[in-house]
């Protein structure tokens, strides 16, 4: 099952995810990485839960692998 990244409970540190970086929001370009921190406090978010990847990049989750 692939989660869509809008539910905080589906995302945990160590998971591989695809995110959209702030600079890529217009193009929708995805960046794959491993979650280090979850930055969104609410249980859900319509544009995706915001996370920080292990390499330090920050973006909203579009898919969980």
C-alpha atoms as a PDB file:
ATOM      1  CA  UNK A   1       0.000   0.000   0.000  1.00  0.00           C
ATOM      2  CA  UNK A   2       1.389   3.386  -0.971  1.00  0.00           C
ATOM      3  CA  UNK A   3       0.299   6.304   1.187  1.00  0.00           C
ATOM      4  CA  UNK A   4      -0.316   9.704  -0.384  1.00  0.00           C
ATOM      5  CA  UNK A   5       1.613  11.686   2.229  1.00  0.00           C
ATOM      6  CA  UNK A   6      -1.360  13.615   3.619  1.00  0.00           C
ATOM      7  CA  UNK A   7      -1.680  11.642   6.869  1.00  0.00           C
ATOM      8  CA  UNK A   8       0.958  12.172   9.539  1.00  0.00           C
ATOM      9  CA  UNK A   9       0.418   8.666  10.940  1.00  0.00           C
ATOM     10  CA  UNK A  10       1.642   7.140   7.628  1.00  0.00           C
ATOM     11  CA  UNK A  11       5.029   8.871   7.863  1.00  0.00           C
ATOM     12  CA  UNK A  12       7.822   7.873  10.220  1.00  0.00           C
ATOM     13  CA  UNK A  13      11.548   8.677  10.415  1.00  0.00           C
ATOM     14  CA  UNK A  14      13.516   6.183   8.337  1.00  0.00           C
ATOM     15  CA  UNK A  15      10.856   5.745   5.639  1.00  0.00           C
ATOM     16  CA  UNK A  16      11.716   6.380   2.001  1.00  0.00           C
ATOM     17  CA  UNK A  17       9.455   9.064   0.525  1.00  0.00           C
ATOM     18  CA  UNK A  18       9.044  11.326  -2.498  1.00  0.00           C
ATOM     19  CA  UNK A  19       8.731  15.002  -1.605  1.00  0.00           C
ATOM     20  CA  UNK A  20       8.198  18.251  -3.499  1.00  0.00           C
ATOM     21  CA  UNK A  21      10.681  20.924  -2.465  1.00  0.00           C
ATOM     22  CA  UNK A  22       9.473  24.518  -2.093  1.00  0.00           C
ATOM     23  CA  UNK A  23      11.404  25.553  -5.224  1.00  0.00           C
ATOM     24  CA  UNK A  24       9.823  22.677  -7.207  1.00  0.00           C
ATOM     25  CA  UNK A  25       6.179  23.343  -6.279  1.00  0.00           C
ATOM     26  CA  UNK A  26       5.415  24.912  -9.676  1.00  0.00           C
ATOM     27  CA  UNK A  27       6.981  22.079 -11.691  1.00  0.00           C
ATOM     28  CA  UNK A  28       5.902  19.306  -9.312  1.00  0.00           C
ATOM     29  CA  UNK A  29       9.370  17.700  -9.544  1.00  0.00           C
ATOM     30  CA  UNK A  30       9.769  14.962  -6.936  1.00  0.00           C
ATOM     31  CA  UNK A  31      12.821  14.381  -4.778  1.00  0.00           C
ATOM     32  CA  UNK A  32      13.324  10.963  -3.157  1.00  0.00           C
ATOM     33  CA  UNK A  33      14.908  10.598   0.241  1.00  0.00           C
ATOM     34  CA  UNK A  34      14.667   9.161   3.734  1.00  0.00           C
ATOM     35  CA  UNK A  35      12.667  10.991   6.426  1.00  0.00           C
ATOM     36  CA  UNK A  36      14.702  12.428   9.306  1.00  0.00           C
ATOM     37  CA  UNK A  37      12.126  14.718  10.988  1.00  0.00           C
ATOM     38  CA  UNK A  38       8.383  15.345  10.624  1.00  0.00           C
ATOM     39  CA  UNK A  39       7.749  19.106  10.608  1.00  0.00           C
ATOM     40  CA  UNK A  40       3.939  19.226  10.338  1.00  0.00           C
ATOM     41  CA  UNK A  41       2.183  19.034  13.715  1.00  0.00           C
ATOM     42  CA  UNK A  42      -1.374  18.474  12.483  1.00  0.00           C
ATOM     43  CA  UNK A  43      -2.677  14.946  11.803  1.00  0.00           C
ATOM     44  CA  UNK A  44      -3.357  15.679   8.125  1.00  0.00           C
ATOM     45  CA  UNK A  45      -2.433  18.307   5.548  1.00  0.00           C
ATOM     46  CA  UNK A  46      -4.059  18.725   2.097  1.00  0.00           C
ATOM     47  CA  UNK A  47      -0.729  19.477   0.379  1.00  0.00           C
ATOM     48  CA  UNK A  48       1.230  16.742   2.148  1.00  0.00           C
ATOM     49  CA  UNK A  49       2.998  16.447   5.472  1.00  0.00           C
ATOM     50  CA  UNK A  50       6.155  18.583   5.629  1.00  0.00           C
ATOM     51  CA  UNK A  51       9.316  16.631   6.443  1.00  0.00           C
ATOM     52  CA  UNK A  52      13.080  17.075   6.595  1.00  0.00           C
ATOM     53  CA  UNK A  53      15.083  14.417   4.784  1.00  0.00           C
ATOM     54  CA  UNK A  54      18.331  12.970   6.126  1.00  0.00           C
ATOM     55  CA  UNK A  55      20.249  15.154   3.649  1.00  0.00           C
ATOM     56  CA  UNK A  56      18.598  18.276   5.117  1.00  0.00           C
ATOM     57  CA  UNK A  57      16.162  19.055   2.295  1.00  0.00           C
ATOM     58  CA  UNK A  58      12.642  20.088   3.376  1.00  0.00           C
ATOM     59  CA  UNK A  59       9.446  19.487   1.432  1.00  0.00           C
ATOM     60  CA  UNK A  60       5.952  18.037   1.431  1.00  0.00           C
ATOM     61  CA  UNK A  61       5.450  14.288   1.085  1.00  0.00           C
ATOM     62  CA  UNK A  62       3.716  13.178  -2.118  1.00  0.00           C
ATOM     63  CA  UNK A  63       4.322   9.419  -1.869  1.00  0.00           C
ATOM     64  CA  UNK A  64       5.564   6.901   0.696  1.00  0.00           C
ATOM     65  CA  UNK A  65       7.497   3.810  -0.491  1.00  0.00           C
END
